[in-house]
């Protein structure tokens, strides 16, 4: 993320798609929370699919990790 931020500068919006819709997604809520906190340090404005949309955590804890303007199904 540091390389991306350094390359584009502070005036460009960075967005990340974590790929959480993959059926074999190995990460969970704690990973999503840590990653969201790390991404916030680089002024990332969009963090998509941090959790699979089919898990109950994706709907119940999405607001807790969402620090970005992301729709509920894509948090």
C-alpha atoms as a PDB file:
ATOM      1  CA  UNK A   1       0.000   0.000   0.000  1.00  0.00           C
ATOM      2  CA  UNK A   2       2.854   2.348   0.738  1.00  0.00           C
ATOM      3  CA  UNK A   3       4.213   1.881  -2.791  1.00  0.00           C
ATOM      4  CA  UNK A   4       0.784   2.545  -4.289  1.00  0.00           C
ATOM      5  CA  UNK A   5       0.271   5.660  -2.164  1.00  0.00           C
ATOM      6  CA  UNK A   6       3.778   6.956  -2.960  1.00  0.00           C
ATOM      7  CA  UNK A   7       3.265   6.308  -6.674  1.00  0.00           C
ATOM      8  CA  UNK A   8      -0.095   8.038  -7.106  1.00  0.00           C
ATOM      9  CA  UNK A   9       0.297  10.704  -4.447  1.00  0.00           C
ATOM     10  CA  UNK A  10      -2.189  12.032  -1.892  1.00  0.00           C
ATOM     11  CA  UNK A  11      -4.731  13.413  -4.380  1.00  0.00           C
ATOM     12  CA  UNK A  12      -5.700  10.054  -5.929  1.00  0.00           C
ATOM     13  CA  UNK A  13      -8.290   7.781  -4.310  1.00  0.00           C
ATOM     14  CA  UNK A  14      -7.073   4.244  -3.593  1.00  0.00           C
ATOM     15  CA  UNK A  15      -9.559   1.359  -3.619  1.00  0.00           C
ATOM     16  CA  UNK A  16      -9.013  -2.278  -2.624  1.00  0.00           C
ATOM     17  CA  UNK A  17     -11.003  -5.363  -3.595  1.00  0.00           C
ATOM     18  CA  UNK A  18     -10.095  -8.122  -1.145  1.00  0.00           C
ATOM     19  CA  UNK A  19     -11.900 -10.813  -3.122  1.00  0.00           C
ATOM     20  CA  UNK A  20     -13.986 -12.097  -0.215  1.00  0.00           C
ATOM     21  CA  UNK A  21     -16.630 -13.494  -2.552  1.00  0.00           C
ATOM     22  CA  UNK A  22     -14.364 -16.444  -3.400  1.00  0.00           C
ATOM     23  CA  UNK A  23     -15.832 -19.702  -2.110  1.00  0.00           C
ATOM     24  CA  UNK A  24     -12.445 -20.666  -0.659  1.00  0.00           C
ATOM     25  CA  UNK A  25     -11.780 -17.346   1.118  1.00  0.00           C
ATOM     26  CA  UNK A  26      -9.534 -18.215   4.102  1.00  0.00           C
ATOM     27  CA  UNK A  27      -9.844 -14.959   6.053  1.00  0.00           C
ATOM     28  CA  UNK A  28     -12.320 -13.979   8.725  1.00  0.00           C
ATOM     29  CA  UNK A  29     -13.567 -11.026  10.713  1.00  0.00           C
ATOM     30  CA  UNK A  30     -10.328 -10.379  12.624  1.00  0.00           C
ATOM     31  CA  UNK A  31      -8.361 -10.248   9.375  1.00  0.00           C
ATOM     32  CA  UNK A  32     -10.932  -7.880   7.867  1.00  0.00           C
ATOM     33  CA  UNK A  33     -10.754  -5.595  10.896  1.00  0.00           C
ATOM     34  CA  UNK A  34      -6.931  -5.506  10.948  1.00  0.00           C
ATOM     35  CA  UNK A  35      -6.786  -4.947   7.196  1.00  0.00           C
ATOM     36  CA  UNK A  36      -9.371  -2.150   7.319  1.00  0.00           C
ATOM     37  CA  UNK A  37      -7.330  -0.422  10.012  1.00  0.00           C
ATOM     38  CA  UNK A  38      -4.150  -0.796   7.972  1.00  0.00           C
ATOM     39  CA  UNK A  39      -5.821   0.509   4.808  1.00  0.00           C
ATOM     40  CA  UNK A  40      -7.188   3.534   6.648  1.00  0.00           C
ATOM     41  CA  UNK A  41      -3.611   4.575   7.387  1.00  0.00           C
ATOM     42  CA  UNK A  42      -3.102   4.929   3.615  1.00  0.00           C
ATOM     43  CA  UNK A  43      -6.329   6.872   3.062  1.00  0.00           C
ATOM     44  CA  UNK A  44      -7.972   4.029   1.122  1.00  0.00           C
ATOM     45  CA  UNK A  45     -11.513   5.136   0.276  1.00  0.00           C
ATOM     46  CA  UNK A  46     -13.014   1.763  -0.705  1.00  0.00           C
ATOM     47  CA  UNK A  47     -12.486  -1.711   0.768  1.00  0.00           C
ATOM     48  CA  UNK A  48     -14.615  -4.251  -1.045  1.00  0.00           C
ATOM     49  CA  UNK A  49     -15.441  -7.831  -0.089  1.00  0.00           C
ATOM     50  CA  UNK A  50     -13.448  -8.068   3.112  1.00  0.00           C
ATOM     51  CA  UNK A  51     -15.777 -10.908   4.145  1.00  0.00           C
ATOM     52  CA  UNK A  52     -17.764 -13.391   2.087  1.00  0.00           C
ATOM     53  CA  UNK A  53     -21.335 -12.118   1.663  1.00  0.00           C
ATOM     54  CA  UNK A  54     -22.774 -15.481   2.695  1.00  0.00           C
ATOM     55  CA  UNK A  55     -21.339 -15.505   6.209  1.00  0.00           C
ATOM     56  CA  UNK A  56     -23.377 -14.185   9.116  1.00  0.00           C
ATOM     57  CA  UNK A  57     -20.359 -12.072  10.099  1.00  0.00           C
ATOM     58  CA  UNK A  58     -20.557 -10.269   6.788  1.00  0.00           C
ATOM     59  CA  UNK A  59     -23.930  -8.873   7.717  1.00  0.00           C
ATOM     60  CA  UNK A  60     -23.698  -8.571  11.490  1.00  0.00           C
ATOM     61  CA  UNK A  61     -20.200  -7.086  11.804  1.00  0.00           C
ATOM     62  CA  UNK A  62     -19.870  -5.196   8.556  1.00  0.00           C
ATOM     63  CA  UNK A  63     -20.541  -1.840  10.175  1.00  0.00           C
ATOM     64  CA  UNK A  64     -17.763  -2.466  12.688  1.00  0.00           C
ATOM     65  CA  UNK A  65     -15.105  -2.806   9.990  1.00  0.00           C
ATOM     66  CA  UNK A  66     -16.538  -0.360   7.486  1.00  0.00           C
ATOM     67  CA  UNK A  67     -14.560   2.852   7.571  1.00  0.00           C
ATOM     68  CA  UNK A  68     -15.114   3.333   3.865  1.00  0.00           C
ATOM     69  CA  UNK A  69     -18.140   4.317   1.777  1.00  0.00           C
ATOM     70  CA  UNK A  70     -19.032   0.763   0.858  1.00  0.00           C
ATOM     71  CA  UNK A  71     -22.505  -0.757   0.423  1.00  0.00           C
ATOM     72  CA  UNK A  72     -23.384  -3.473   2.982  1.00  0.00           C
ATOM     73  CA  UNK A  73     -23.059  -6.359   0.522  1.00  0.00           C
ATOM     74  CA  UNK A  74     -19.580  -5.225  -0.436  1.00  0.00           C
ATOM     75  CA  UNK A  75     -18.026  -4.410   2.920  1.00  0.00           C
END
